[in-house]
C-alpha atoms as a PDB file:
ATOM      1  CA  MET A   1      56.147 -36.906 -87.409  1.00  0.00           C
ATOM      2  CA  ILE A   2      56.172 -37.069 -91.210  1.00  0.00           C
ATOM      3  CA  ASP A   3      59.065 -34.601 -91.335  1.00  0.00           C
ATOM      4  CA  ASP A   4      60.949 -36.813 -88.858  1.00  0.00           C
ATOM      5  CA  ILE A   5      60.526 -39.832 -91.134  1.00  0.00           C
ATOM      6  CA  ALA A   6      61.642 -37.741 -94.130  1.00  0.00           C
ATOM      7  CA  LYS A   7      64.733 -36.704 -92.147  1.00  0.00           C
ATOM      8  CA  GLY A   8      65.430 -40.367 -91.343  1.00  0.00           C
ATOM      9  CA  ILE A   9      65.257 -41.196 -95.070  1.00  0.00           C
ATOM     10  CA  LYS A  10      67.554 -38.297 -95.983  1.00  0.00           C
ATOM     11  CA  ASP A  11      70.030 -39.196 -93.231  1.00  0.00           C
ATOM     12  CA  ARG A  12      70.176 -42.789 -94.493  1.00  0.00           C
ATOM     13  CA  ILE A  13      70.884 -41.633 -98.070  1.00  0.00           C
ATOM     14  CA  ASP A  14      73.466 -39.132 -96.777  1.00  0.00           C
ATOM     15  CA  GLY A  15      75.189 -41.801 -94.663  1.00  0.00           C
ATOM     16  CA  THR A  16      77.897 -44.278 -95.586  1.00  0.00           C
ATOM     17  CA  LEU A  17      75.367 -46.887 -96.711  1.00  0.00           C
ATOM     18  CA  GLY A  18      73.873 -44.436 -99.224  1.00  0.00           C
ATOM     19  CA  ALA A  19      77.123 -44.134-101.208  1.00  0.00           C
ATOM     20  CA  THR A  20      75.986 -46.515-103.967  1.00  0.00           C
ATOM     21  CA  LEU A  21      72.732 -44.632-104.538  1.00  0.00           C
ATOM     22  CA  ARG A  22      74.512 -41.263-104.425  1.00  0.00           C
ATOM     23  CA  GLY A  23      76.988 -42.649-106.984  1.00  0.00           C
ATOM     24  CA  TYR A  24      74.115 -42.827-109.480  1.00  0.00           C
ATOM     25  CA  ILE A  25      72.168 -39.690-108.581  1.00  0.00           C
ATOM     26  CA  SER A  26      74.751 -37.517-106.782  1.00  0.00           C
ATOM     27  CA  ASP A  27      72.836 -35.074-104.542  1.00  0.00           C
ATOM     28  CA  ARG A  28      69.671 -35.228-106.667  1.00  0.00           C
ATOM     29  CA  TYR A  29      67.233 -36.724-104.133  1.00  0.00           C
ATOM     30  CA  TYR A  30      64.364 -34.636-102.892  1.00  0.00           C
ATOM     31  CA  TYR A  31      61.550 -34.753-100.380  1.00  0.00           C
ATOM     32  CA  ASN A  32      58.266 -33.970-102.195  1.00  0.00           C
ATOM     33  CA  THR A  33      59.349 -31.329-104.728  1.00  0.00           C
ATOM     34  CA  VAL A  34      62.114 -31.143-107.316  1.00  0.00           C
ATOM     35  CA  PRO A  35      63.841 -27.877-108.224  1.00  0.00           C
ATOM     36  CA  SER A  36      63.100 -26.744-111.763  1.00  0.00           C
ATOM     37  CA  GLY A  37      65.760 -27.766-114.278  1.00  0.00           C
ATOM     38  CA  THR A  38      67.109 -30.703-112.220  1.00  0.00           C
ATOM     39  CA  ALA A  39      69.289 -33.028-114.301  1.00  0.00           C
ATOM     40  CA  PHE A  40      68.326 -36.684-114.722  1.00  0.00           C
ATOM     41  CA  PRO A  41      68.381 -39.168-113.115  1.00  0.00           C
ATOM     42  CA  PHE A  42      66.945 -38.129-109.743  1.00  0.00           C
ATOM     43  CA  VAL A  43      64.847 -39.562-106.913  1.00  0.00           C
ATOM     44  CA  THR A  44      61.942 -38.112-104.972  1.00  0.00           C
ATOM     45  CA  TYR A  45      60.386 -39.506-101.813  1.00  0.00           C
ATOM     46  CA  SER A  46      57.105 -38.593-100.150  1.00  0.00           C
ATOM     47  CA  SER A  47      54.395 -39.761 -97.808  1.00  0.00           C
ATOM     48  CA  ILE A  48      51.427 -41.130 -99.760  1.00  0.00           C
ATOM     49  CA  ALA A  49      49.224 -42.215 -96.832  1.00  0.00           C
ATOM     50  CA  ASP A  50      49.437 -40.621 -93.456  1.00  0.00           C
ATOM     51  CA  VAL A  51      48.594 -41.594 -89.895  1.00  0.00           C
ATOM     52  CA  ASP A  52      46.642 -39.164 -87.735  1.00  0.00           C
ATOM     53  CA  PHE A  53      49.179 -38.939 -84.920  1.00  0.00           C
ATOM     54  CA  SER A  54      46.893 -36.829 -82.743  1.00  0.00           C
ATOM     55  CA  THR A  55      44.607 -39.867 -82.359  1.00  0.00           C
ATOM     56  CA  PHE A  56      47.237 -42.593 -82.716  1.00  0.00           C
ATOM     57  CA  THR A  57      46.588 -44.826 -79.718  1.00  0.00           C
ATOM     58  CA  GLU A  58      47.837 -48.198 -80.945  1.00  0.00           C
ATOM     59  CA  GLU A  59      51.204 -49.616 -79.967  1.00  0.00           C
ATOM     60  CA  ILE A  60      52.131 -49.829 -83.642  1.00  0.00           C
ATOM     61  CA  ASP A  61      50.811 -48.311 -86.851  1.00  0.00           C
ATOM     62  CA  TYR A  62      52.152 -47.617 -90.314  1.00  0.00           C
ATOM     63  CA  THR A  63      52.316 -45.017 -93.034  1.00  0.00           C
ATOM     64  CA  HIS A  64      53.005 -45.465 -96.752  1.00  0.00           C
ATOM     65  CA  TRP A  65      55.923 -43.804 -98.511  1.00  0.00           C
ATOM     66  CA  GLN A  66      56.862 -43.717-102.164  1.00  0.00           C
ATOM     67  CA  PHE A  67      60.247 -43.380-103.805  1.00  0.00           C
ATOM     68  CA  SER A  68      60.076 -42.200-107.415  1.00  0.00           C
ATOM     69  CA  VAL A  69      62.976 -42.694-109.795  1.00  0.00           C
ATOM     70  CA  TRP A  70      62.989 -40.320-112.759  1.00  0.00           C
ATOM     71  CA  ASP A  71      65.286 -40.883-115.721  1.00  0.00           C
ATOM     72  CA  ASN A  72      65.523 -39.757-119.333  1.00  0.00           C
ATOM     73  CA  GLU A  73      67.637 -42.757-120.393  1.00  0.00           C
ATOM     74  CA  LEU A  74      64.951 -44.716-122.245  1.00  0.00           C
ATOM     75  CA  ASP A  75      66.679 -48.089-121.919  1.00  0.00           C
ATOM     76  CA  PRO A  76      65.668 -49.214-118.405  1.00  0.00           C
ATOM     77  CA  MET A  77      68.480 -51.806-118.400  1.00  0.00           C
ATOM     78  CA  SER A  78      71.181 -49.206-119.143  1.00  0.00           C
ATOM     79  CA  SER A  79      74.008 -49.265-116.611  1.00  0.00           C
ATOM     80  CA  GLY A  80      73.801 -46.644-113.873  1.00  0.00           C
ATOM     81  CA  HIS A  81      70.187 -45.812-114.555  1.00  0.00           C
ATOM     82  CA  LEU A  82      66.707 -47.065-113.647  1.00  0.00           C
ATOM     83  CA  LYS A  83      67.634 -50.689-112.901  1.00  0.00           C
ATOM     84  CA  ASP A  84      70.707 -49.848-110.818  1.00  0.00           C
ATOM     85  CA  ILE A  85      69.043 -46.968-108.964  1.00  0.00           C
ATOM     86  CA  THR A  86      66.109 -49.249-108.093  1.00  0.00           C
ATOM     87  CA  LYS A  87      68.505 -51.894-106.746  1.00  0.00           C
ATOM     88  CA  ALA A  88      70.345 -49.262-104.697  1.00  0.00           C
ATOM     89  CA  ILE A  89      67.109 -47.986-103.125  1.00  0.00           C
ATOM     90  CA  ARG A  90      65.998 -51.533-102.307  1.00  0.00           C
ATOM     91  CA  ALA A  91      69.394 -52.364-100.763  1.00  0.00           C
ATOM     92  CA  LEU A  92      69.271 -49.178 -98.696  1.00  0.00           C
ATOM     93  CA  PHE A  93      65.668 -49.351 -97.441  1.00  0.00           C
ATOM     94  CA  ASP A  94      64.333 -52.931 -97.503  1.00  0.00           C
ATOM     95  CA  GLY A  95      63.648 -54.108 -93.948  1.00  0.00           C
ATOM     96  CA  VAL A  96      65.657 -51.476 -92.087  1.00  0.00           C
ATOM     97  CA  VAL A  97      64.992 -49.346 -89.023  1.00  0.00           C
ATOM     98  CA  LEU A  98      65.300 -45.650 -89.766  1.00  0.00           C
ATOM     99  CA  VAL A  99      67.219 -43.788 -87.101  1.00  0.00           C
ATOM    100  CA  VAL A 100      65.430 -40.567 -86.330  1.00  0.00           C
ATOM    101  CA  GLY A 101      66.172 -40.171 -82.637  1.00  0.00           C
ATOM    102  CA  VAL A 102      63.574 -39.679 -79.974  1.00  0.00           C
ATOM    103  CA  ILE A 103      60.557 -37.755 -81.108  1.00  0.00           C
ATOM    104  CA  GLY A 104      58.852 -35.860 -78.359  1.00  0.00           C
ATOM    105  CA  GLY A 105      58.190 -32.513 -76.902  1.00  0.00           C
ATOM    106  CA  THR A 106      56.051 -30.925 -74.243  1.00  0.00           C
ATOM    107  CA  ARG A 107      52.303 -30.738 -73.825  1.00  0.00           C
ATOM    108  CA  TYR A 108      49.797 -29.644 -71.221  1.00  0.00           C
ATOM    109  CA  VAL A 109      47.995 -32.397 -69.341  1.00  0.00           C
ATOM    110  CA  SER A 110      45.546 -32.375 -66.459  1.00  0.00           C
ATOM    111  CA  ARG A 111      47.336 -32.282 -63.156  1.00  0.00           C
ATOM    112  CA  THR A 112      46.671 -35.287 -60.929  1.00  0.00           C
ATOM    113  CA  TYR A 113      46.319 -35.265 -57.166  1.00  0.00           C
ATOM    114  CA  ASP A 114      49.591 -37.200 -56.981  1.00  0.00           C
ATOM    115  CA  SER A 115      51.403 -34.467 -58.887  1.00  0.00           C
ATOM    116  CA  LEU A 116      49.989 -31.847 -56.519  1.00  0.00           C
ATOM    117  CA  ASP A 117      51.580 -33.767 -53.662  1.00  0.00           C
ATOM    118  CA  THR A 118      54.998 -33.037 -55.152  1.00  0.00           C
ATOM    119  CA  LEU A 119      54.454 -29.259 -54.846  1.00  0.00           C
ATOM    120  CA  THR A 120      55.274 -27.308 -51.715  1.00  0.00           C
ATOM    121  CA  TYR A 121      52.836 -24.763 -50.336  1.00  0.00           C
ATOM    122  CA  ASP A 122      55.223 -22.012 -51.461  1.00  0.00           C
ATOM    123  CA  ASP A 123      55.163 -23.427 -55.031  1.00  0.00           C
ATOM    124  CA  MET A 124      51.353 -23.563 -54.987  1.00  0.00           C
ATOM    125  CA  ASP A 125      51.142 -19.932 -53.865  1.00  0.00           C
ATOM    126  CA  LEU A 126      53.044 -18.893 -57.014  1.00  0.00           C
ATOM    127  CA  LEU A 127      50.731 -20.812 -59.408  1.00  0.00           C
ATOM    128  CA  THR A 128      47.518 -19.524 -60.937  1.00  0.00           C
ATOM    129  CA  TYR A 129      44.366 -21.634 -60.789  1.00  0.00           C
ATOM    130  CA  ASP A 130      44.953 -22.671 -64.423  1.00  0.00           C
ATOM    131  CA  GLU A 131      48.500 -23.749 -63.606  1.00  0.00           C
ATOM    132  CA  LEU A 132      47.170 -25.804 -60.714  1.00  0.00           C
ATOM    133  CA  ASP A 133      44.776 -27.571 -63.110  1.00  0.00           C
ATOM    134  CA  LEU A 134      47.282 -28.167 -65.928  1.00  0.00           C
ATOM    135  CA  MET A 135      50.933 -29.064 -65.911  1.00  0.00           C
ATOM    136  CA  LEU A 136      53.521 -29.160 -68.631  1.00  0.00           C
ATOM    137  CA  GLU A 137      54.612 -32.717 -69.364  1.00  0.00           C
ATOM    138  CA  THR A 138      57.603 -33.863 -71.372  1.00  0.00           C
ATOM    139  CA  TYR A 139      56.948 -36.874 -73.564  1.00  0.00           C
ATOM    140  CA  ASN A 140      58.936 -39.197 -75.785  1.00  0.00           C
ATOM    141  CA  GLU A 141      56.838 -41.286 -78.093  1.00  0.00           C
ATOM    142  CA  TYR A 142      57.657 -42.673 -81.507  1.00  0.00           C
ATOM    143  CA  THR A 143      61.172 -43.934 -82.097  1.00  0.00           C
ATOM    144  CA  ASN A 144      61.108 -47.130 -84.150  1.00  0.00           C
ATOM    145  CA  PHE A 145      60.493 -46.816 -87.871  1.00  0.00           C
ATOM    146  CA  GLY A 146      60.770 -50.174 -89.637  1.00  0.00           C
ATOM    147  CA  THR A 147      60.493 -50.280 -93.434  1.00  0.00           C
ATOM    148  CA  ILE A 148      58.820 -52.989 -95.514  1.00  0.00           C
ATOM    149  CA  TYR A 149      58.994 -53.007 -99.308  1.00  0.00           C
ATOM    150  CA  MET A 150      55.503 -53.311-100.818  1.00  0.00           C
ATOM    151  CA  SER A 151      55.514 -52.826-104.596  1.00  0.00           C
ATOM    152  CA  GLN A 152      57.122 -51.364-107.678  1.00  0.00           C
ATOM    153  CA  ARG A 153      55.449 -49.873-110.760  1.00  0.00           C
ATOM    154  CA  ASP A 154      56.576 -48.260-113.948  1.00  0.00           C
ATOM    155  CA  ILE A 155      54.351 -45.309-114.798  1.00  0.00           C
ATOM    156  CA  PRO A 156      54.266 -44.242-118.446  1.00  0.00           C
ATOM    157  CA  GLN A 157      54.741 -40.543-119.075  1.00  0.00           C
ATOM    158  CA  GLN A 158      52.738 -38.785-121.789  1.00  0.00           C
ATOM    159  CA  ASP A 159      55.745 -37.562-123.713  1.00  0.00           C
ATOM    160  CA  ASN A 160      57.448 -41.005-123.596  1.00  0.00           C
ATOM    161  CA  GLU A 161      60.789 -39.301-123.047  1.00  0.00           C
ATOM    162  CA  ILE A 162      60.998 -39.869-119.304  1.00  0.00           C
ATOM    163  CA  LEU A 163      60.929 -43.130-117.364  1.00  0.00           C
ATOM    164  CA  HIS A 164      59.204 -43.017-113.982  1.00  0.00           C
ATOM    165  CA  ARG A 165      59.395 -45.945-111.567  1.00  0.00           C
ATOM    166  CA  THR A 166      57.792 -45.935-108.136  1.00  0.00           C
ATOM    167  CA  LEU A 167      58.703 -48.078-105.145  1.00  0.00           C
ATOM    168  CA  GLU A 168      56.225 -48.185-102.277  1.00  0.00           C
ATOM    169  CA  TYR A 169      57.153 -48.885 -98.677  1.00  0.00           C
ATOM    170  CA  GLU A 170      55.219 -49.251 -95.473  1.00  0.00           C
ATOM    171  CA  ILE A 171      56.990 -47.608 -92.585  1.00  0.00           C
ATOM    172  CA  TYR A 172      55.928 -49.017 -89.242  1.00  0.00           C
ATOM    173  CA  ILE A 173      55.857 -46.684 -86.273  1.00  0.00           C
ATOM    174  CA  GLN A 174      56.089 -48.055 -82.767  1.00  0.00           C
ATOM    175  CA  LYS A 175      55.151 -46.180 -79.637  1.00  0.00           C
ATOM    176  CA  ASN A 176      57.442 -46.177 -76.635  1.00  0.00           C
END
């Protein structure tokens, strides 16, 4: 699930609407880790609070994500740097629905009496006792990922030669 949200973020930056942000940072946006020696400015994004999807039973829940802007231009108002990159991220992600497609797969579930009624006697003869108890089910679950901007912070760095700004978002996940 988290990787699907990360893909939705990357796809949005890669898309037509991400052109302004890419104009400032080129292809320097990374999920979680940054390659050594990356030129400034760049952006990272990561999940900072996760939902346990194995026990997620609500119709809607949320997870927290953080965008970090890193820049070595010490004037935060300098054109094309921290201020403009922050505006571009906000324009791209405030109050949008990330398109990630249908997330689903297959899982084993207990077979019901109704599902046994759909099998012929010939089909049942080919199944083991375990296969009669369990059946493979296809599921489609989480598809809507709405973003809500929460906060922004500037985080001082020890060497005072790098500016680091974080933007926090809640991403709401809705079950089908």
